[in-house]
């Protein structure tokens, strides 16, 4: 009789240990799922912020006039905002301007035609450059209000 009680006790202990190990593994898997969902939510939030920031123009927060030569010139740096939206206006009546993140050239940049402008969303830690292909041109760089942050603060 004593041996049966010991066997039952050992069986219950092994069963509890196995159940505990299964629960620990399940908790670990659920934690990884939660972490991946949080990362996905953050990525979706970042994509949404980029879409809203680049698609919806707002009033300027600050405006700076600049002269752009034929070499890549720094025009805006985002070192504090999740997304910084700028509008770059090419004030030259005849020469195009090219803009792009990091080092831009007349081959890899986004072209801004004479007397035209574009709105660009600059991710955190990135820098926007401009270049022209002949002589010097004047541009106007407007840092825009962050509409996404304003919408989010308003509960929309």
N, C-alpha and C. Protein backbone atom coordinates (compact mmCIF):
# COMPACT_ATOMS: atom_id res chain seq x y z
N UNK A 1 0.82 -1.18 0.00
CA UNK A 1 0.00 0.00 0.00
C UNK A 1 0.87 1.25 0.00
N UNK A 2 1.94 1.24 0.79
CA UNK A 2 2.87 2.37 0.87
C UNK A 2 3.54 2.62 -0.46
N UNK A 3 3.83 1.53 -1.22
CA UNK A 3 4.48 1.67 -2.52
C UNK A 3 3.52 2.34 -3.52
N UNK A 4 2.23 2.00 -3.43
CA UNK A 4 1.25 2.61 -4.33
C UNK A 4 1.12 4.11 -4.08
N UNK A 5 1.15 4.49 -2.82
CA UNK A 5 1.06 5.92 -2.48
C UNK A 5 2.29 6.65 -2.99
N UNK A 6 3.46 6.04 -2.88
CA UNK A 6 4.70 6.64 -3.39
C UNK A 6 4.64 6.77 -4.91
N UNK A 7 4.13 5.72 -5.59
CA UNK A 7 4.01 5.76 -7.04
C UNK A 7 3.02 6.85 -7.48
N UNK A 8 1.91 6.97 -6.77
CA UNK A 8 0.92 8.00 -7.10
C UNK A 8 1.51 9.39 -6.86
N UNK A 9 2.23 9.51 -5.77
CA UNK A 9 2.87 10.78 -5.44
C UNK A 9 3.92 11.15 -6.50
N UNK A 10 4.74 10.18 -6.94
CA UNK A 10 5.74 10.41 -8.00
C UNK A 10 5.05 10.78 -9.31
N UNK A 11 3.97 10.07 -9.62
CA UNK A 11 3.22 10.33 -10.85
C UNK A 11 2.67 11.77 -10.84
N UNK A 12 2.07 12.18 -9.72
CA UNK A 12 1.51 13.51 -9.60
C UNK A 12 2.62 14.58 -9.71
N UNK A 13 3.76 14.30 -9.13
CA UNK A 13 4.89 15.23 -9.19
C UNK A 13 5.39 15.38 -10.63
N UNK A 14 5.53 14.25 -11.35
CA UNK A 14 5.96 14.31 -12.76
C UNK A 14 4.92 15.02 -13.62
N UNK A 15 3.64 14.72 -13.36
CA UNK A 15 2.56 15.36 -14.11
C UNK A 15 2.56 16.87 -13.86
N UNK A 16 2.75 17.28 -12.61
CA UNK A 16 2.82 18.71 -12.27
C UNK A 16 4.02 19.37 -12.94
N UNK A 17 5.15 18.68 -12.96
CA UNK A 17 6.36 19.21 -13.58
C UNK A 17 6.14 19.37 -15.10
N UNK A 18 5.55 18.36 -15.74
CA UNK A 18 5.28 18.43 -17.17
C UNK A 18 4.30 19.56 -17.49
N UNK A 19 3.26 19.65 -16.68
CA UNK A 19 2.28 20.72 -16.86
C UNK A 19 2.93 22.08 -16.69
N UNK A 20 3.77 22.21 -15.69
CA UNK A 20 4.48 23.45 -15.45
C UNK A 20 5.39 23.81 -16.62
N UNK A 21 6.10 22.83 -17.17
CA UNK A 21 6.99 23.07 -18.32
C UNK A 21 6.18 23.51 -19.54
N UNK A 22 5.05 22.89 -19.75
CA UNK A 22 4.18 23.25 -20.88
C UNK A 22 3.67 24.68 -20.71
N UNK A 23 3.25 25.02 -19.50
CA UNK A 23 2.76 26.37 -19.24
C UNK A 23 3.86 27.41 -19.42
N UNK A 24 5.07 27.09 -19.01
CA UNK A 24 6.20 28.01 -19.19
C UNK A 24 6.48 28.22 -20.68
N UNK A 25 6.45 27.12 -21.46
CA UNK A 25 6.66 27.24 -22.91
C UNK A 25 5.54 28.06 -23.56
N UNK A 26 4.30 27.82 -23.13
CA UNK A 26 3.17 28.58 -23.67
C UNK A 26 3.31 30.06 -23.34
N UNK A 27 3.72 30.36 -22.12
CA UNK A 27 3.92 31.75 -21.73
C UNK A 27 5.00 32.40 -22.58
N UNK A 28 6.08 31.68 -22.84
CA UNK A 28 7.16 32.19 -23.68
C UNK A 28 6.67 32.47 -25.10
N UNK A 29 5.90 31.55 -25.66
CA UNK A 29 5.35 31.73 -27.01
C UNK A 29 4.40 32.91 -27.04
N UNK A 30 3.52 33.01 -26.05
CA UNK A 30 2.58 34.14 -26.00
C UNK A 30 3.32 35.47 -25.85
N UNK A 31 4.41 35.48 -25.09
CA UNK A 31 5.21 36.69 -24.92
C UNK A 31 5.83 37.11 -26.25
N UNK A 32 6.34 36.13 -27.03
CA UNK A 32 6.93 36.44 -28.34
C UNK A 32 5.86 36.95 -29.31
N UNK A 33 4.66 36.36 -29.23
CA UNK A 33 3.56 36.83 -30.08
C UNK A 33 3.22 38.27 -29.73
N UNK A 34 3.12 38.57 -28.45
CA UNK A 34 2.81 39.92 -28.00
C UNK A 34 3.89 40.91 -28.46
N UNK A 35 5.15 40.54 -28.31
CA UNK A 35 6.25 41.41 -28.74
C UNK A 35 6.19 41.65 -30.24
N UNK A 36 5.90 40.61 -31.02
CA UNK A 36 5.83 40.79 -32.48
C UNK A 36 4.64 41.67 -32.86
N UNK A 37 3.53 41.55 -32.12
CA UNK A 37 2.38 42.40 -32.39
C UNK A 37 2.69 43.86 -32.06
N UNK A 38 3.43 44.08 -30.97
CA UNK A 38 3.80 45.44 -30.61
C UNK A 38 4.72 46.04 -31.67
N UNK A 39 5.64 45.25 -32.18
CA UNK A 39 6.53 45.72 -33.25
C UNK A 39 5.70 46.03 -34.49
N UNK A 40 4.75 45.17 -34.82
CA UNK A 40 3.90 45.40 -35.99
C UNK A 40 3.07 46.66 -35.83
N UNK A 41 2.54 46.89 -34.64
CA UNK A 41 1.76 48.11 -34.39
C UNK A 41 2.65 49.34 -34.54
N UNK A 42 3.87 49.27 -34.04
CA UNK A 42 4.79 50.40 -34.17
C UNK A 42 5.14 50.65 -35.64
N UNK A 43 5.36 49.58 -36.40
CA UNK A 43 5.66 49.74 -37.82
C UNK A 43 4.46 50.32 -38.57
N UNK A 44 3.27 49.80 -38.27
CA UNK A 44 2.06 50.34 -38.91
C UNK A 44 1.88 51.81 -38.56
N UNK A 45 2.13 52.18 -37.30
CA UNK A 45 2.01 53.56 -36.87
C UNK A 45 3.01 54.44 -37.62
N UNK A 46 4.22 53.92 -37.81
CA UNK A 46 5.24 54.67 -38.54
C UNK A 46 4.84 54.85 -40.01
N UNK A 47 4.33 53.78 -40.64
CA UNK A 47 3.90 53.87 -42.03
C UNK A 47 2.73 54.85 -42.17
N UNK A 48 1.78 54.77 -41.26
CA UNK A 48 0.65 55.68 -41.29
C UNK A 48 1.11 57.12 -41.12
N UNK A 49 2.05 57.33 -40.23
CA UNK A 49 2.57 58.66 -40.01
C UNK A 49 3.27 59.19 -41.26
N UNK A 50 4.03 58.34 -41.94
CA UNK A 50 4.69 58.75 -43.18
C UNK A 50 3.66 59.09 -44.25
N UNK A 51 2.62 58.26 -44.37
CA UNK A 51 1.59 58.53 -45.37
C UNK A 51 0.86 59.84 -45.11
N UNK A 52 0.46 60.05 -43.87
CA UNK A 52 -0.25 61.27 -43.53
C UNK A 52 0.66 62.48 -43.69
N UNK A 53 1.91 62.35 -43.24
CA UNK A 53 2.84 63.48 -43.28
C UNK A 53 3.19 63.88 -44.71
N UNK A 54 3.31 62.90 -45.60
CA UNK A 54 3.69 63.25 -46.96
C UNK A 54 2.50 63.56 -47.85
N UNK A 55 1.32 63.11 -47.49
CA UNK A 55 0.15 63.29 -48.37
C UNK A 55 -0.66 64.53 -48.05
N UNK A 56 -0.66 64.94 -46.80
CA UNK A 56 -1.49 66.08 -46.40
C UNK A 56 -0.58 67.26 -46.07
N UNK A 57 -0.72 68.30 -46.85
CA UNK A 57 0.11 69.47 -46.60
C UNK A 57 -0.47 70.28 -45.45
N UNK A 58 0.41 71.01 -44.77
CA UNK A 58 -0.02 71.85 -43.67
C UNK A 58 0.67 73.20 -43.79
N UNK A 59 0.36 74.08 -42.86
CA UNK A 59 1.00 75.39 -42.88
C UNK A 59 2.44 75.27 -42.42
N UNK A 60 3.30 76.16 -42.90
CA UNK A 60 4.71 76.10 -42.50
C UNK A 60 4.91 76.43 -41.03
N UNK A 61 5.84 75.73 -40.42
CA UNK A 61 6.26 75.99 -39.06
C UNK A 61 7.44 76.96 -39.10
N UNK A 62 8.34 76.76 -40.07
CA UNK A 62 9.46 77.67 -40.28
C UNK A 62 9.87 77.59 -41.74
N UNK A 63 10.41 78.70 -42.27
CA UNK A 63 10.78 78.77 -43.67
C UNK A 63 12.19 79.34 -43.78
N UNK A 64 13.01 78.69 -44.64
CA UNK A 64 14.39 79.13 -44.84
C UNK A 64 14.67 79.18 -46.34
N UNK A 65 15.25 80.28 -46.80
CA UNK A 65 15.68 80.38 -48.18
C UNK A 65 17.13 79.92 -48.28
N UNK A 66 17.47 79.21 -49.36
CA UNK A 66 18.83 78.67 -49.52
C UNK A 66 19.27 78.79 -50.97
N UNK A 67 20.59 78.85 -51.16
CA UNK A 67 21.18 78.81 -52.49
C UNK A 67 21.83 77.43 -52.65
N UNK A 68 21.48 76.74 -53.72
CA UNK A 68 21.95 75.37 -53.95
C UNK A 68 22.96 75.36 -55.10
N UNK A 69 24.16 74.82 -54.87
CA UNK A 69 25.16 74.70 -55.93
C UNK A 69 25.05 73.35 -56.64
N UNK A 70 26.05 73.04 -57.44
CA UNK A 70 26.07 71.77 -58.19
C UNK A 70 26.57 70.60 -57.36
N UNK A 71 26.87 70.83 -56.10
CA UNK A 71 27.24 69.73 -55.20
C UNK A 71 26.13 69.54 -54.17
N UNK A 72 25.97 68.32 -53.70
CA UNK A 72 24.90 68.02 -52.74
C UNK A 72 25.03 68.91 -51.51
N UNK A 73 23.92 69.55 -51.16
CA UNK A 73 23.89 70.51 -50.06
C UNK A 73 22.81 70.11 -49.06
N UNK A 74 23.19 70.08 -47.80
CA UNK A 74 22.26 69.75 -46.72
C UNK A 74 21.18 70.82 -46.65
N UNK A 75 19.91 70.38 -46.66
CA UNK A 75 18.83 71.36 -46.55
C UNK A 75 17.93 71.12 -45.34
N UNK A 76 17.91 69.89 -44.80
CA UNK A 76 17.09 69.61 -43.61
C UNK A 76 17.58 68.32 -42.95
N UNK A 77 17.57 68.31 -41.62
CA UNK A 77 17.94 67.13 -40.85
C UNK A 77 16.85 66.86 -39.82
N UNK A 78 16.45 65.61 -39.72
CA UNK A 78 15.47 65.23 -38.71
C UNK A 78 16.19 64.45 -37.62
N UNK A 79 16.46 65.12 -36.51
CA UNK A 79 17.12 64.44 -35.41
C UNK A 79 16.28 64.38 -34.14
N UNK A 80 14.97 64.73 -34.26
CA UNK A 80 14.16 64.70 -33.05
C UNK A 80 12.72 64.21 -33.23
N UNK A 81 12.18 64.27 -34.43
CA UNK A 81 10.78 63.90 -34.65
C UNK A 81 10.67 62.52 -35.27
N UNK A 82 9.58 61.79 -35.00
CA UNK A 82 9.41 60.50 -35.68
C UNK A 82 9.37 60.68 -37.20
N UNK A 83 8.69 61.71 -37.66
CA UNK A 83 8.65 62.08 -39.07
C UNK A 83 8.65 63.61 -39.13
N UNK A 84 9.52 64.15 -39.96
CA UNK A 84 9.54 65.60 -40.17
C UNK A 84 9.13 65.85 -41.62
N UNK A 85 8.12 66.68 -41.80
CA UNK A 85 7.63 66.97 -43.14
C UNK A 85 8.14 68.34 -43.57
N UNK A 86 8.73 68.38 -44.78
CA UNK A 86 9.22 69.64 -45.33
C UNK A 86 8.65 69.83 -46.73
N UNK A 87 8.50 71.08 -47.11
CA UNK A 87 8.12 71.42 -48.47
C UNK A 87 9.30 72.16 -49.07
N UNK A 88 9.77 71.69 -50.21
CA UNK A 88 10.90 72.31 -50.89
C UNK A 88 10.37 72.95 -52.17
N UNK A 89 10.55 74.26 -52.29
CA UNK A 89 10.11 75.01 -53.47
C UNK A 89 11.32 75.45 -54.27
N UNK A 90 11.31 75.14 -55.56
CA UNK A 90 12.37 75.57 -56.47
C UNK A 90 11.96 76.95 -56.99
N UNK A 91 12.71 77.98 -56.59
CA UNK A 91 12.37 79.35 -56.97
C UNK A 91 12.98 79.77 -58.30
N UNK A 92 13.82 78.93 -58.87
CA UNK A 92 14.48 79.28 -60.12
C UNK A 92 13.48 79.23 -61.28
N UNK A 93 13.55 80.19 -62.21
CA UNK A 93 12.60 80.20 -63.33
C UNK A 93 12.94 79.21 -64.44
N UNK A 94 14.17 78.64 -64.44
CA UNK A 94 14.55 77.78 -65.56
C UNK A 94 15.22 76.47 -65.19
N UNK A 95 15.91 76.40 -64.06
CA UNK A 95 16.71 75.22 -63.72
C UNK A 95 15.97 74.29 -62.75
N UNK A 96 16.00 72.99 -63.00
CA UNK A 96 15.42 72.05 -62.03
C UNK A 96 16.35 71.86 -60.84
N UNK A 97 15.78 71.28 -59.81
CA UNK A 97 16.51 70.97 -58.59
C UNK A 97 16.22 69.50 -58.25
N UNK A 98 17.20 68.80 -57.67
CA UNK A 98 17.00 67.41 -57.26
C UNK A 98 17.18 67.33 -55.75
N UNK A 99 16.29 66.59 -55.09
CA UNK A 99 16.36 66.40 -53.64
C UNK A 99 16.34 64.90 -53.34
N UNK A 100 16.91 64.55 -52.20
CA UNK A 100 16.90 63.15 -51.78
C UNK A 100 17.52 62.97 -50.41
N UNK A 101 17.18 61.84 -49.80
CA UNK A 101 17.75 61.51 -48.50
C UNK A 101 19.19 61.05 -48.69
N UNK A 102 20.00 61.39 -47.72
CA UNK A 102 21.44 61.09 -47.75
C UNK A 102 22.08 61.81 -48.93
N UNK A 103 22.96 61.18 -49.67
CA UNK A 103 23.68 61.87 -50.74
C UNK A 103 22.87 61.80 -52.04
N UNK A 104 22.49 62.97 -52.55
CA UNK A 104 21.67 63.05 -53.75
C UNK A 104 22.51 63.52 -54.94
N UNK A 105 22.14 63.03 -56.12
CA UNK A 105 22.75 63.50 -57.37
C UNK A 105 21.62 63.81 -58.34
N UNK A 106 21.98 64.32 -59.50
CA UNK A 106 20.98 64.61 -60.53
C UNK A 106 20.47 63.32 -61.18
N UNK A 107 21.09 62.20 -60.83
CA UNK A 107 20.66 60.90 -61.36
C UNK A 107 19.69 60.19 -60.41
N UNK A 108 19.98 60.26 -59.09
CA UNK A 108 19.18 59.47 -58.15
C UNK A 108 18.17 60.30 -57.34
N UNK A 109 18.13 61.61 -57.53
CA UNK A 109 17.25 62.44 -56.73
C UNK A 109 15.86 62.60 -57.33
N UNK A 110 14.98 63.13 -56.53
CA UNK A 110 13.63 63.46 -56.98
C UNK A 110 13.69 64.87 -57.57
N UNK A 111 13.24 65.03 -58.79
CA UNK A 111 13.37 66.31 -59.47
C UNK A 111 12.24 67.26 -59.06
N UNK A 112 12.62 68.52 -58.85
CA UNK A 112 11.64 69.58 -58.64
C UNK A 112 11.81 70.54 -59.81
N UNK A 113 10.81 70.63 -60.62
CA UNK A 113 10.86 71.48 -61.81
C UNK A 113 10.91 72.95 -61.40
N UNK A 114 11.36 73.84 -62.30
CA UNK A 114 11.40 75.27 -61.99
C UNK A 114 10.02 75.78 -61.57
N UNK A 115 10.02 76.60 -60.53
CA UNK A 115 8.80 77.22 -59.99
C UNK A 115 7.79 76.20 -59.47
N UNK A 116 8.27 75.03 -59.08
CA UNK A 116 7.39 73.99 -58.53
C UNK A 116 7.86 73.64 -57.12
N UNK A 117 7.12 72.80 -56.42
CA UNK A 117 7.51 72.39 -55.07
C UNK A 117 7.05 70.98 -54.80
N UNK A 118 7.68 70.32 -53.82
CA UNK A 118 7.29 68.98 -53.39
C UNK A 118 7.30 68.92 -51.86
N UNK A 119 6.46 68.06 -51.33
CA UNK A 119 6.44 67.81 -49.90
C UNK A 119 7.09 66.45 -49.65
N UNK A 120 8.00 66.42 -48.69
CA UNK A 120 8.79 65.22 -48.41
C UNK A 120 8.73 64.91 -46.91
N UNK A 121 8.52 63.64 -46.57
CA UNK A 121 8.54 63.19 -45.19
C UNK A 121 9.93 62.62 -44.90
N UNK A 122 10.60 63.17 -43.91
CA UNK A 122 11.96 62.74 -43.55
C UNK A 122 11.88 61.90 -42.27
N UNK A 123 12.24 60.62 -42.34
CA UNK A 123 12.23 59.78 -41.13
C UNK A 123 13.27 60.25 -40.11
N UNK A 124 13.09 59.85 -38.88
CA UNK A 124 14.01 60.18 -37.79
C UNK A 124 15.42 59.71 -38.14
N UNK A 125 16.39 60.59 -37.94
CA UNK A 125 17.79 60.24 -38.17
C UNK A 125 18.25 60.41 -39.60
N UNK A 126 17.38 60.86 -40.49
CA UNK A 126 17.74 61.03 -41.91
C UNK A 126 17.96 62.50 -42.23
N UNK A 127 18.65 62.72 -43.33
CA UNK A 127 19.00 64.07 -43.77
C UNK A 127 18.56 64.25 -45.21
N UNK A 128 18.08 65.44 -45.53
CA UNK A 128 17.64 65.76 -46.89
C UNK A 128 18.66 66.69 -47.54
N UNK A 129 19.02 66.34 -48.78
CA UNK A 129 20.00 67.13 -49.54
C UNK A 129 19.35 67.61 -50.83
N UNK A 130 19.95 68.66 -51.41
CA UNK A 130 19.51 69.18 -52.70
C UNK A 130 20.73 69.46 -53.56
N UNK A 131 20.52 69.41 -54.88
CA UNK A 131 21.60 69.67 -55.83
C UNK A 131 20.98 70.21 -57.12
N UNK A 132 21.75 71.00 -57.86
CA UNK A 132 21.32 71.43 -59.19
C UNK A 132 22.41 71.05 -60.18
N UNK A 133 22.12 71.15 -61.46
CA UNK A 133 23.11 70.70 -62.44
C UNK A 133 23.88 71.83 -63.12
N UNK A 134 23.42 73.07 -63.01
CA UNK A 134 24.12 74.18 -63.64
C UNK A 134 24.11 75.38 -62.69
N UNK A 135 25.27 75.91 -62.35
CA UNK A 135 25.38 77.13 -61.54
C UNK A 135 24.75 77.00 -60.17
N UNK A 136 23.97 78.00 -59.80
CA UNK A 136 23.31 78.05 -58.50
C UNK A 136 21.83 78.32 -58.71
N UNK A 137 21.01 77.77 -57.82
CA UNK A 137 19.59 78.10 -57.84
C UNK A 137 19.14 78.42 -56.42
N UNK A 138 18.04 79.11 -56.30
CA UNK A 138 17.47 79.41 -55.00
C UNK A 138 16.29 78.51 -54.74
N UNK A 139 16.23 78.01 -53.49
CA UNK A 139 15.09 77.20 -53.07
C UNK A 139 14.57 77.76 -51.75
N UNK A 140 13.41 77.33 -51.40
CA UNK A 140 12.79 77.70 -50.13
C UNK A 140 12.40 76.39 -49.43
N UNK A 141 12.90 76.18 -48.22
CA UNK A 141 12.61 74.96 -47.45
C UNK A 141 11.69 75.33 -46.30
N UNK A 142 10.49 74.77 -46.30
CA UNK A 142 9.51 75.04 -45.24
C UNK A 142 9.33 73.79 -44.41
N UNK A 143 9.64 73.88 -43.13
CA UNK A 143 9.34 72.77 -42.22
C UNK A 143 7.88 72.92 -41.82
N UNK A 144 7.11 71.87 -42.08
CA UNK A 144 5.66 71.93 -41.86
C UNK A 144 5.28 71.40 -40.49
N UNK A 145 4.12 71.81 -40.02
CA UNK A 145 3.57 71.26 -38.78
C UNK A 145 3.33 69.77 -38.97
N UNK A 146 3.50 69.00 -37.92
CA UNK A 146 3.28 67.56 -37.99
C UNK A 146 1.79 67.27 -37.79
N UNK A 147 1.08 67.09 -38.90
CA UNK A 147 -0.37 66.86 -38.84
C UNK A 147 -0.72 65.56 -38.14
N UNK A 148 0.09 64.53 -38.33
CA UNK A 148 -0.20 63.24 -37.71
C UNK A 148 -0.22 63.38 -36.19
N UNK A 149 0.76 64.07 -35.65
CA UNK A 149 0.79 64.25 -34.19
C UNK A 149 -0.40 65.06 -33.72
N UNK A 150 -0.78 66.08 -34.48
CA UNK A 150 -1.93 66.88 -34.11
C UNK A 150 -3.22 66.07 -34.17
N UNK A 151 -3.37 65.23 -35.20
CA UNK A 151 -4.55 64.38 -35.30
C UNK A 151 -4.60 63.37 -34.16
N UNK A 152 -3.43 62.80 -33.85
CA UNK A 152 -3.37 61.80 -32.79
C UNK A 152 -3.69 62.41 -31.43
N UNK A 153 -3.19 63.63 -31.19
CA UNK A 153 -3.48 64.29 -29.93
C UNK A 153 -4.95 64.67 -29.82
N UNK A 154 -5.57 64.93 -30.97
CA UNK A 154 -6.99 65.27 -31.00
C UNK A 154 -7.89 64.05 -30.88
N UNK A 155 -7.31 62.87 -30.83
CA UNK A 155 -8.08 61.65 -30.68
C UNK A 155 -8.65 61.11 -31.97
N UNK A 156 -8.16 61.57 -33.10
CA UNK A 156 -8.68 61.09 -34.39
C UNK A 156 -7.89 59.92 -34.89
